[in-house]
């Protein structure tokens, strides 16, 4: 079963992506899959939150 990503990690992803951080490095740093980072960032860009 997949565990949901906590809101604090989601916020960190958005914050660092706004600063143009590398997706691969961020995924390693937060111990999540690269696709997870891309999906959260994409959702943020579309919905604004």
C-alpha atoms as a PDB file:
ATOM      1  CA  UNK A   1       0.000   0.000   0.000  1.00  0.00           C
ATOM      2  CA  UNK A   2       1.251   3.453  -0.924  1.00  0.00           C
ATOM      3  CA  UNK A   3       1.529   5.995   1.865  1.00  0.00           C
ATOM      4  CA  UNK A   4       0.265   9.519   1.121  1.00  0.00           C
ATOM      5  CA  UNK A   5       2.852  12.290   0.934  1.00  0.00           C
ATOM      6  CA  UNK A   6       2.607  14.547   4.025  1.00  0.00           C
ATOM      7  CA  UNK A   7       1.665  18.185   3.441  1.00  0.00           C
ATOM      8  CA  UNK A   8       5.050  19.396   4.707  1.00  0.00           C
ATOM      9  CA  UNK A   9       6.834  17.412   1.975  1.00  0.00           C
ATOM     10  CA  UNK A  10       4.359  18.705  -0.617  1.00  0.00           C
ATOM     11  CA  UNK A  11       5.073  22.268   0.516  1.00  0.00           C
ATOM     12  CA  UNK A  12       8.830  21.647   0.322  1.00  0.00           C
ATOM     13  CA  UNK A  13       8.484  20.319  -3.223  1.00  0.00           C
ATOM     14  CA  UNK A  14       6.518  23.372  -4.342  1.00  0.00           C
ATOM     15  CA  UNK A  15       8.885  25.791  -2.606  1.00  0.00           C
ATOM     16  CA  UNK A  16      12.000  24.262  -4.115  1.00  0.00           C
ATOM     17  CA  UNK A  17      10.508  23.859  -7.570  1.00  0.00           C
ATOM     18  CA  UNK A  18       9.632  27.571  -7.520  1.00  0.00           C
ATOM     19  CA  UNK A  19      13.341  28.152  -6.917  1.00  0.00           C
ATOM     20  CA  UNK A  20      14.132  26.021 -10.008  1.00  0.00           C
ATOM     21  CA  UNK A  21      15.661  23.108  -8.150  1.00  0.00           C
ATOM     22  CA  UNK A  22      16.493  19.850  -9.914  1.00  0.00           C
ATOM     23  CA  UNK A  23      13.690  17.270  -9.774  1.00  0.00           C
ATOM     24  CA  UNK A  24      16.052  14.320  -9.379  1.00  0.00           C
ATOM     25  CA  UNK A  25      18.005  15.922  -6.533  1.00  0.00           C
ATOM     26  CA  UNK A  26      14.811  16.934  -4.759  1.00  0.00           C
ATOM     27  CA  UNK A  27      13.408  13.416  -4.991  1.00  0.00           C
ATOM     28  CA  UNK A  28      16.584  12.021  -3.414  1.00  0.00           C
ATOM     29  CA  UNK A  29      16.552  14.679  -0.697  1.00  0.00           C
ATOM     30  CA  UNK A  30      12.905  14.015   0.243  1.00  0.00           C
ATOM     31  CA  UNK A  31      13.159  10.241  -0.277  1.00  0.00           C
ATOM     32  CA  UNK A  32      10.337  10.135  -2.816  1.00  0.00           C
ATOM     33  CA  UNK A  33      10.040   9.011  -6.420  1.00  0.00           C
ATOM     34  CA  UNK A  34      10.910  11.505  -9.162  1.00  0.00           C
ATOM     35  CA  UNK A  35       7.458  10.987 -10.663  1.00  0.00           C
ATOM     36  CA  UNK A  36       5.919  12.006  -7.332  1.00  0.00           C
ATOM     37  CA  UNK A  37       7.777  15.323  -7.429  1.00  0.00           C
ATOM     38  CA  UNK A  38       6.690  15.902 -11.032  1.00  0.00           C
ATOM     39  CA  UNK A  39       3.066  15.035 -10.250  1.00  0.00           C
ATOM     40  CA  UNK A  40       2.862  17.335  -7.205  1.00  0.00           C
ATOM     41  CA  UNK A  41       4.501  20.201  -9.119  1.00  0.00           C
ATOM     42  CA  UNK A  42       2.188  19.739 -12.097  1.00  0.00           C
ATOM     43  CA  UNK A  43      -0.882  19.699  -9.862  1.00  0.00           C
ATOM     44  CA  UNK A  44       0.315  22.870  -8.129  1.00  0.00           C
ATOM     45  CA  UNK A  45       0.832  24.636 -11.448  1.00  0.00           C
ATOM     46  CA  UNK A  46      -2.653  23.692 -12.670  1.00  0.00           C
ATOM     47  CA  UNK A  47      -4.563  24.351  -9.448  1.00  0.00           C
ATOM     48  CA  UNK A  48      -2.422  26.989  -7.758  1.00  0.00           C
ATOM     49  CA  UNK A  49      -2.399  25.210  -4.404  1.00  0.00           C
END
